[in-house]
Amino acid sequence: MIFSFLCLLILICFLSLTILCAGVTSYKALKETETKPGQFVGILGAGGGLGHLAIQYAKAMGLRPIALDVGHAKESLCKSPGAEFYVDATNPNAVEEVNNITGGGCHGVLCVATSFPAYNIATDICCRKGCLVCVELQSSILS
């Protein structure tokens, strides 16, 4: 009985720490964009763990999240937690699509994707005087 309770307690602690780590990372990144309620925020890598949480936080903060990820299979995964729009990042017109939705680009862009093309898209969907926050920047992208 005591062993079962301890195992359950350890599992709860582990899950809580995992959510806290990813949650704090996503939340802080969104706050760094200084995006105001009603403004668009683009989230690249929205179908992953950090992106999925960022969509939920953005919606709770009154932002208008646009999810970008690879393939149409992730569309329902991104829209279910609250993304207003989903754009397939492999679409050659992805940047144009986002800029049409927003009327000139996102006020904040959060890039939690780890691919070089995602960073190209991220800079192109950011409006003038917008803010791009890179969370998972790898050294291979810099070289």
N, C-alpha and C. Protein backbone atom coordinates (compact mmCIF):
# COMPACT_ATOMS: atom_id res chain seq x y z
N MET A 1 0.82 -1.19 0.00
CA MET A 1 0.00 0.00 0.00
C MET A 1 0.87 1.26 0.00
N ILE A 2 1.84 1.31 0.89
CA ILE A 2 2.72 2.47 0.98
C ILE A 2 3.58 2.57 -0.28
N PHE A 3 4.03 1.44 -0.81
CA PHE A 3 4.82 1.45 -2.03
C PHE A 3 4.01 2.00 -3.19
N SER A 4 2.76 1.59 -3.31
CA SER A 4 1.88 2.10 -4.38
C SER A 4 1.69 3.60 -4.25
N PHE A 5 1.51 4.06 -3.03
CA PHE A 5 1.34 5.50 -2.79
C PHE A 5 2.59 6.27 -3.18
N LEU A 6 3.76 5.75 -2.82
CA LEU A 6 5.02 6.41 -3.16
C LEU A 6 5.23 6.44 -4.67
N CYS A 7 4.91 5.35 -5.34
CA CYS A 7 5.04 5.31 -6.81
C CYS A 7 4.12 6.34 -7.46
N LEU A 8 2.91 6.44 -6.96
CA LEU A 8 1.97 7.42 -7.48
C LEU A 8 2.46 8.84 -7.23
N LEU A 9 2.98 9.09 -6.05
CA LEU A 9 3.50 10.40 -5.70
C LEU A 9 4.69 10.78 -6.60
N ILE A 10 5.58 9.85 -6.85
CA ILE A 10 6.73 10.10 -7.73
C ILE A 10 6.25 10.39 -9.15
N LEU A 11 5.28 9.65 -9.63
CA LEU A 11 4.74 9.87 -10.97
C LEU A 11 4.10 11.25 -11.08
N ILE A 12 3.34 11.65 -10.09
CA ILE A 12 2.70 12.97 -10.09
C ILE A 12 3.76 14.07 -10.08
N CYS A 13 4.79 13.92 -9.28
CA CYS A 13 5.87 14.91 -9.23
C CYS A 13 6.58 15.01 -10.57
N PHE A 14 6.85 13.87 -11.19
CA PHE A 14 7.54 13.86 -12.48
C PHE A 14 6.70 14.57 -13.54
N LEU A 15 5.42 14.25 -13.61
CA LEU A 15 4.54 14.88 -14.59
C LEU A 15 4.39 16.37 -14.33
N SER A 16 4.31 16.75 -13.09
CA SER A 16 4.19 18.17 -12.74
C SER A 16 5.43 18.94 -13.15
N LEU A 17 6.60 18.39 -12.92
CA LEU A 17 7.84 19.06 -13.30
C LEU A 17 7.96 19.19 -14.81
N THR A 18 7.52 18.17 -15.53
CA THR A 18 7.58 18.23 -16.99
C THR A 18 6.68 19.35 -17.51
N ILE A 19 5.47 19.41 -17.01
CA ILE A 19 4.54 20.46 -17.45
C ILE A 19 5.03 21.83 -17.01
N LEU A 20 5.57 21.93 -15.82
CA LEU A 20 6.08 23.21 -15.35
C LEU A 20 7.23 23.71 -16.22
N CYS A 21 8.13 22.85 -16.59
CA CYS A 21 9.28 23.25 -17.39
C CYS A 21 8.83 23.75 -18.76
N ALA A 22 8.06 22.96 -19.48
CA ALA A 22 7.58 23.35 -20.80
C ALA A 22 6.62 24.52 -20.71
N GLY A 23 5.80 24.53 -19.69
CA GLY A 23 4.83 25.60 -19.51
C GLY A 23 5.48 26.94 -19.25
N VAL A 24 6.46 26.96 -18.37
CA VAL A 24 7.17 28.21 -18.06
C VAL A 24 7.94 28.69 -19.29
N THR A 25 8.54 27.78 -20.02
CA THR A 25 9.29 28.14 -21.23
C THR A 25 8.37 28.79 -22.25
N SER A 26 7.22 28.18 -22.51
CA SER A 26 6.27 28.72 -23.49
C SER A 26 5.71 30.06 -23.03
N TYR A 27 5.32 30.13 -21.77
CA TYR A 27 4.73 31.36 -21.24
C TYR A 27 5.72 32.52 -21.30
N LYS A 28 6.93 32.29 -20.84
CA LYS A 28 7.95 33.35 -20.83
C LYS A 28 8.27 33.82 -22.25
N ALA A 29 8.34 32.88 -23.18
CA ALA A 29 8.62 33.24 -24.57
C ALA A 29 7.50 34.13 -25.13
N LEU A 30 6.26 33.79 -24.82
CA LEU A 30 5.14 34.62 -25.27
C LEU A 30 5.19 36.01 -24.64
N LYS A 31 5.52 36.08 -23.36
CA LYS A 31 5.61 37.38 -22.69
C LYS A 31 6.71 38.24 -23.30
N GLU A 32 7.80 37.60 -23.73
CA GLU A 32 8.92 38.34 -24.34
C GLU A 32 8.53 38.99 -25.66
N THR A 33 7.52 38.47 -26.35
CA THR A 33 7.09 39.07 -27.62
C THR A 33 6.40 40.41 -27.40
N GLU A 34 5.96 40.68 -26.16
CA GLU A 34 5.25 41.91 -25.81
C GLU A 34 4.01 42.11 -26.68
N THR A 35 3.41 41.02 -27.11
CA THR A 35 2.19 41.07 -27.91
C THR A 35 1.01 41.39 -27.00
N LYS A 36 0.14 42.25 -27.47
CA LYS A 36 -1.02 42.70 -26.68
C LYS A 36 -2.26 41.89 -27.06
N PRO A 37 -3.25 41.81 -26.15
CA PRO A 37 -4.49 41.10 -26.48
C PRO A 37 -5.11 41.62 -27.78
N GLY A 38 -5.55 40.68 -28.60
CA GLY A 38 -6.14 41.02 -29.89
C GLY A 38 -5.15 41.01 -31.03
N GLN A 39 -3.85 40.98 -30.72
CA GLN A 39 -2.82 40.95 -31.76
C GLN A 39 -2.48 39.51 -32.13
N PHE A 40 -1.95 39.36 -33.34
CA PHE A 40 -1.58 38.03 -33.84
C PHE A 40 -0.22 37.61 -33.31
N VAL A 41 -0.13 36.32 -32.99
CA VAL A 41 1.15 35.72 -32.64
C VAL A 41 1.31 34.46 -33.48
N GLY A 42 2.40 34.37 -34.21
CA GLY A 42 2.70 33.18 -35.02
C GLY A 42 3.53 32.21 -34.20
N ILE A 43 3.14 30.94 -34.24
CA ILE A 43 3.87 29.93 -33.47
C ILE A 43 4.35 28.86 -34.43
N LEU A 44 5.64 28.84 -34.70
CA LEU A 44 6.23 27.83 -35.57
C LEU A 44 6.65 26.64 -34.74
N GLY A 45 6.27 25.45 -35.16
CA GLY A 45 6.48 24.25 -34.38
C GLY A 45 5.31 24.05 -33.44
N ALA A 46 4.14 24.53 -33.84
CA ALA A 46 2.96 24.55 -32.98
C ALA A 46 2.43 23.16 -32.65
N GLY A 47 2.77 22.17 -33.43
CA GLY A 47 2.27 20.83 -33.19
C GLY A 47 3.07 20.03 -32.18
N GLY A 48 4.17 20.60 -31.69
CA GLY A 48 5.00 19.91 -30.70
C GLY A 48 4.59 20.27 -29.28
N GLY A 49 5.37 19.79 -28.32
CA GLY A 49 5.04 20.00 -26.91
C GLY A 49 5.03 21.46 -26.49
N LEU A 50 6.10 22.21 -26.80
CA LEU A 50 6.16 23.62 -26.43
C LEU A 50 5.14 24.43 -27.22
N GLY A 51 5.00 24.13 -28.50
CA GLY A 51 4.06 24.86 -29.34
C GLY A 51 2.63 24.66 -28.92
N HIS A 52 2.30 23.44 -28.56
CA HIS A 52 0.95 23.11 -28.12
C HIS A 52 0.58 23.91 -26.87
N LEU A 53 1.52 24.01 -25.94
CA LEU A 53 1.29 24.80 -24.73
C LEU A 53 1.25 26.30 -25.06
N ALA A 54 2.09 26.74 -25.98
CA ALA A 54 2.11 28.15 -26.36
C ALA A 54 0.77 28.58 -26.95
N ILE A 55 0.14 27.71 -27.73
CA ILE A 55 -1.18 28.03 -28.29
C ILE A 55 -2.17 28.26 -27.15
N GLN A 56 -2.16 27.37 -26.17
CA GLN A 56 -3.10 27.49 -25.05
C GLN A 56 -2.85 28.76 -24.23
N TYR A 57 -1.59 29.06 -23.95
CA TYR A 57 -1.27 30.28 -23.21
C TYR A 57 -1.65 31.52 -24.01
N ALA A 58 -1.35 31.51 -25.31
CA ALA A 58 -1.67 32.66 -26.16
C ALA A 58 -3.16 32.94 -26.15
N LYS A 59 -3.94 31.89 -26.28
CA LYS A 59 -5.40 32.05 -26.28
C LYS A 59 -5.87 32.60 -24.92
N ALA A 60 -5.31 32.08 -23.84
CA ALA A 60 -5.69 32.54 -22.50
C ALA A 60 -5.28 34.00 -22.26
N MET A 61 -4.23 34.45 -22.96
CA MET A 61 -3.75 35.83 -22.82
C MET A 61 -4.50 36.79 -23.74
N GLY A 62 -5.46 36.28 -24.50
CA GLY A 62 -6.23 37.13 -25.40
C GLY A 62 -5.57 37.38 -26.73
N LEU A 63 -4.53 36.62 -27.03
CA LEU A 63 -3.84 36.77 -28.32
C LEU A 63 -4.55 35.96 -29.39
N ARG A 64 -4.18 36.19 -30.62
CA ARG A 64 -4.77 35.47 -31.75
C ARG A 64 -3.69 34.57 -32.37
N PRO A 65 -3.61 33.32 -31.89
CA PRO A 65 -2.53 32.43 -32.35
C PRO A 65 -2.73 31.90 -33.77
N ILE A 66 -1.66 31.97 -34.53
CA ILE A 66 -1.60 31.33 -35.85
C ILE A 66 -0.57 30.22 -35.73
N ALA A 67 -1.02 28.99 -35.91
CA ALA A 67 -0.14 27.83 -35.78
C ALA A 67 0.50 27.51 -37.12
N LEU A 68 1.78 27.29 -37.11
CA LEU A 68 2.51 26.85 -38.30
C LEU A 68 3.26 25.58 -37.95
N ASP A 69 3.07 24.57 -38.78
CA ASP A 69 3.80 23.32 -38.60
C ASP A 69 3.82 22.60 -39.94
N VAL A 70 4.44 21.44 -39.97
CA VAL A 70 4.64 20.70 -41.21
C VAL A 70 3.54 19.67 -41.42
N GLY A 71 2.81 19.80 -42.51
CA GLY A 71 1.79 18.82 -42.89
C GLY A 71 0.42 19.14 -42.34
N HIS A 72 -0.59 18.67 -43.06
CA HIS A 72 -1.97 18.91 -42.65
C HIS A 72 -2.41 18.00 -41.51
N ALA A 73 -1.63 16.98 -41.22
CA ALA A 73 -1.98 16.05 -40.14
C ALA A 73 -1.99 16.75 -38.78
N LYS A 74 -1.23 17.82 -38.64
CA LYS A 74 -1.15 18.52 -37.34
C LYS A 74 -2.18 19.63 -37.20
N GLU A 75 -2.99 19.85 -38.22
CA GLU A 75 -3.96 20.94 -38.18
C GLU A 75 -4.95 20.80 -37.02
N SER A 76 -5.55 19.62 -36.89
CA SER A 76 -6.52 19.43 -35.80
C SER A 76 -5.84 19.48 -34.44
N LEU A 77 -4.60 19.00 -34.36
CA LEU A 77 -3.86 19.07 -33.10
C LEU A 77 -3.61 20.52 -32.68
N CYS A 78 -3.40 21.38 -33.65
CA CYS A 78 -3.13 22.79 -33.36
C CYS A 78 -4.41 23.60 -33.13
N LYS A 79 -5.46 23.25 -33.83
CA LYS A 79 -6.71 24.01 -33.69
C LYS A 79 -7.49 23.63 -32.44
N SER A 80 -7.35 22.38 -31.98
CA SER A 80 -8.12 21.95 -30.80
C SER A 80 -7.77 22.74 -29.53
N PRO A 81 -6.52 23.11 -29.29
CA PRO A 81 -6.25 23.92 -28.08
C PRO A 81 -6.51 25.41 -28.27
N GLY A 82 -6.85 25.85 -29.51
CA GLY A 82 -7.22 27.25 -29.65
C GLY A 82 -6.60 28.06 -30.76
N ALA A 83 -5.83 27.45 -31.65
CA ALA A 83 -5.26 28.23 -32.76
C ALA A 83 -6.38 28.71 -33.68
N GLU A 84 -6.38 29.99 -34.01
CA GLU A 84 -7.41 30.52 -34.90
C GLU A 84 -7.19 30.06 -36.33
N PHE A 85 -5.92 29.99 -36.72
CA PHE A 85 -5.57 29.59 -38.09
C PHE A 85 -4.45 28.57 -38.03
N TYR A 86 -4.41 27.72 -39.06
CA TYR A 86 -3.30 26.78 -39.21
C TYR A 86 -2.74 26.97 -40.61
N VAL A 87 -1.43 27.06 -40.71
CA VAL A 87 -0.75 27.19 -41.99
C VAL A 87 0.30 26.09 -42.07
N ASP A 88 0.24 25.34 -43.18
CA ASP A 88 1.24 24.30 -43.42
C ASP A 88 2.54 24.97 -43.85
N ALA A 89 3.57 24.82 -43.06
CA ALA A 89 4.84 25.48 -43.32
C ALA A 89 5.54 24.97 -44.58
N THR A 90 5.15 23.81 -45.09
CA THR A 90 5.75 23.30 -46.32
C THR A 90 5.12 23.92 -47.56
N ASN A 91 4.02 24.62 -47.38
CA ASN A 91 3.37 25.30 -48.50
C ASN A 91 4.28 26.44 -48.96
N PRO A 92 4.60 26.51 -50.25
CA PRO A 92 5.47 27.59 -50.72
C PRO A 92 4.89 28.99 -50.50
N ASN A 93 3.58 29.07 -50.31
CA ASN A 93 2.93 30.36 -50.09
C ASN A 93 2.59 30.59 -48.61
N ALA A 94 3.27 29.89 -47.71
CA ALA A 94 2.96 29.99 -46.28
C ALA A 94 3.13 31.41 -45.76
N VAL A 95 4.20 32.07 -46.15
CA VAL A 95 4.46 33.43 -45.68
C VAL A 95 3.37 34.38 -46.19
N GLU A 96 3.04 34.26 -47.46
CA GLU A 96 1.99 35.09 -48.05
C GLU A 96 0.64 34.83 -47.37
N GLU A 97 0.37 33.58 -47.07
CA GLU A 97 -0.89 33.22 -46.40
C GLU A 97 -0.99 33.89 -45.02
N VAL A 98 0.08 33.81 -44.24
CA VAL A 98 0.09 34.44 -42.91
C VAL A 98 -0.04 35.95 -43.03
N ASN A 99 0.69 36.54 -43.95
CA ASN A 99 0.63 37.99 -44.12
C ASN A 99 -0.74 38.46 -44.59
N ASN A 100 -1.44 37.63 -45.37
CA ASN A 100 -2.81 37.96 -45.78
C ASN A 100 -3.77 37.87 -44.59
N ILE A 101 -3.61 36.85 -43.76
CA ILE A 101 -4.47 36.68 -42.58
C ILE A 101 -4.30 37.85 -41.63
N THR A 102 -3.08 38.27 -41.42
CA THR A 102 -2.78 39.29 -40.42
C THR A 102 -2.82 40.71 -40.95
N GLY A 103 -2.81 40.84 -42.25
CA GLY A 103 -2.78 42.18 -42.84
C GLY A 103 -1.41 42.83 -42.76
N GLY A 104 -0.36 42.03 -42.81
CA GLY A 104 0.98 42.59 -42.83
C GLY A 104 1.98 41.92 -41.92
N GLY A 105 1.61 40.85 -41.25
CA GLY A 105 2.55 40.12 -40.40
C GLY A 105 2.10 40.06 -38.96
N CYS A 106 2.70 39.16 -38.22
CA CYS A 106 2.37 38.95 -36.81
C CYS A 106 3.13 39.94 -35.94
N HIS A 107 2.49 40.41 -34.89
CA HIS A 107 3.15 41.30 -33.95
C HIS A 107 4.21 40.56 -33.13
N GLY A 108 3.94 39.29 -32.87
CA GLY A 108 4.89 38.45 -32.17
C GLY A 108 5.02 37.12 -32.89
N VAL A 109 6.22 36.60 -32.95
CA VAL A 109 6.48 35.29 -33.55
C VAL A 109 7.30 34.48 -32.57
N LEU A 110 6.82 33.29 -32.30
CA LEU A 110 7.49 32.37 -31.39
C LEU A 110 7.94 31.16 -32.19
N CYS A 111 9.23 30.93 -32.26
CA CYS A 111 9.76 29.82 -33.05
C CYS A 111 10.28 28.75 -32.09
N VAL A 112 9.53 27.66 -31.99
CA VAL A 112 9.96 26.53 -31.17
C VAL A 112 10.32 25.33 -32.05
N ALA A 113 10.37 25.56 -33.35
CA ALA A 113 10.79 24.52 -34.29
C ALA A 113 12.31 24.48 -34.34
N THR A 114 12.85 23.36 -34.77
CA THR A 114 14.31 23.20 -34.77
C THR A 114 14.90 23.15 -36.17
N SER A 115 14.15 23.51 -37.18
CA SER A 115 14.67 23.43 -38.53
C SER A 115 15.03 24.81 -39.08
N PHE A 116 16.03 24.84 -39.94
CA PHE A 116 16.47 26.09 -40.54
C PHE A 116 15.36 26.78 -41.33
N PRO A 117 14.59 26.06 -42.17
CA PRO A 117 13.51 26.74 -42.91
C PRO A 117 12.48 27.43 -42.01
N ALA A 118 12.27 26.91 -40.81
CA ALA A 118 11.33 27.54 -39.89
C ALA A 118 11.79 28.94 -39.51
N TYR A 119 13.07 29.13 -39.34
CA TYR A 119 13.59 30.45 -38.98
C TYR A 119 13.48 31.43 -40.14
N ASN A 120 13.60 30.92 -41.37
CA ASN A 120 13.38 31.78 -42.53
C ASN A 120 11.94 32.27 -42.57
N ILE A 121 11.01 31.36 -42.32
CA ILE A 121 9.60 31.73 -42.30
C ILE A 121 9.33 32.70 -41.15
N ALA A 122 9.90 32.41 -40.00
CA ALA A 122 9.67 33.24 -38.80
C ALA A 122 10.02 34.70 -39.04
N THR A 123 11.14 34.95 -39.68
CA THR A 123 11.53 36.34 -39.93
C THR A 123 10.63 36.99 -40.97
N ASP A 124 10.11 36.20 -41.90
CA ASP A 124 9.28 36.75 -42.97
C ASP A 124 7.84 37.01 -42.55
N ILE A 125 7.36 36.37 -41.47
CA ILE A 125 5.97 36.61 -41.04
C ILE A 125 5.87 37.64 -39.91
N CYS A 126 7.00 38.15 -39.49
CA CYS A 126 7.02 39.15 -38.41
C CYS A 126 6.76 40.53 -39.03
N CYS A 127 5.82 41.27 -38.46
CA CYS A 127 5.51 42.60 -39.01
C CYS A 127 6.61 43.59 -38.64
N ARG A 128 6.55 44.76 -39.24
CA ARG A 128 7.52 45.81 -38.90
C ARG A 128 7.39 46.13 -37.42
N LYS A 129 8.49 46.22 -36.75
CA LYS A 129 8.57 46.48 -35.31
C LYS A 129 7.97 45.36 -34.48
N GLY A 130 7.82 44.17 -35.10
CA GLY A 130 7.36 43.00 -34.38
C GLY A 130 8.52 42.36 -33.64
N CYS A 131 8.23 41.31 -32.90
CA CYS A 131 9.26 40.66 -32.08
C CYS A 131 9.29 39.16 -32.37
N LEU A 132 10.48 38.66 -32.65
CA LEU A 132 10.69 37.23 -32.89
C LEU A 132 11.45 36.66 -31.69
N VAL A 133 10.89 35.60 -31.10
CA VAL A 133 11.54 34.93 -29.98
C VAL A 133 11.89 33.51 -30.42
N CYS A 134 13.17 33.18 -30.34
CA CYS A 134 13.66 31.85 -30.74
C CYS A 134 13.91 31.04 -29.47
N VAL A 135 13.22 29.90 -29.36
CA VAL A 135 13.34 29.08 -28.16
C VAL A 135 14.30 27.93 -28.37
N GLU A 136 14.24 27.28 -29.49
CA GLU A 136 15.06 26.09 -29.72
C GLU A 136 16.08 26.33 -30.83
N LEU A 137 16.91 27.32 -30.65
CA LEU A 137 17.91 27.65 -31.64
C LEU A 137 19.10 26.70 -31.51
N GLN A 138 19.37 25.95 -32.57
CA GLN A 138 20.47 24.99 -32.54
C GLN A 138 21.72 25.58 -33.17
N SER A 139 22.87 25.10 -32.77
CA SER A 139 24.13 25.64 -33.29
C SER A 139 24.27 25.36 -34.78
N SER A 140 23.66 24.29 -35.30
CA SER A 140 23.77 23.99 -36.73
C SER A 140 23.06 25.05 -37.56
N ILE A 141 22.06 25.71 -37.00
CA ILE A 141 21.35 26.77 -37.72
C ILE A 141 22.22 28.00 -37.86
N LEU A 142 23.05 28.25 -36.86
CA LEU A 142 23.91 29.44 -36.87
C LEU A 142 25.07 29.33 -37.83
N SER A 143 25.49 28.14 -38.17
CA SER A 143 26.67 27.99 -39.02
C SER A 143 26.33 28.01 -40.49
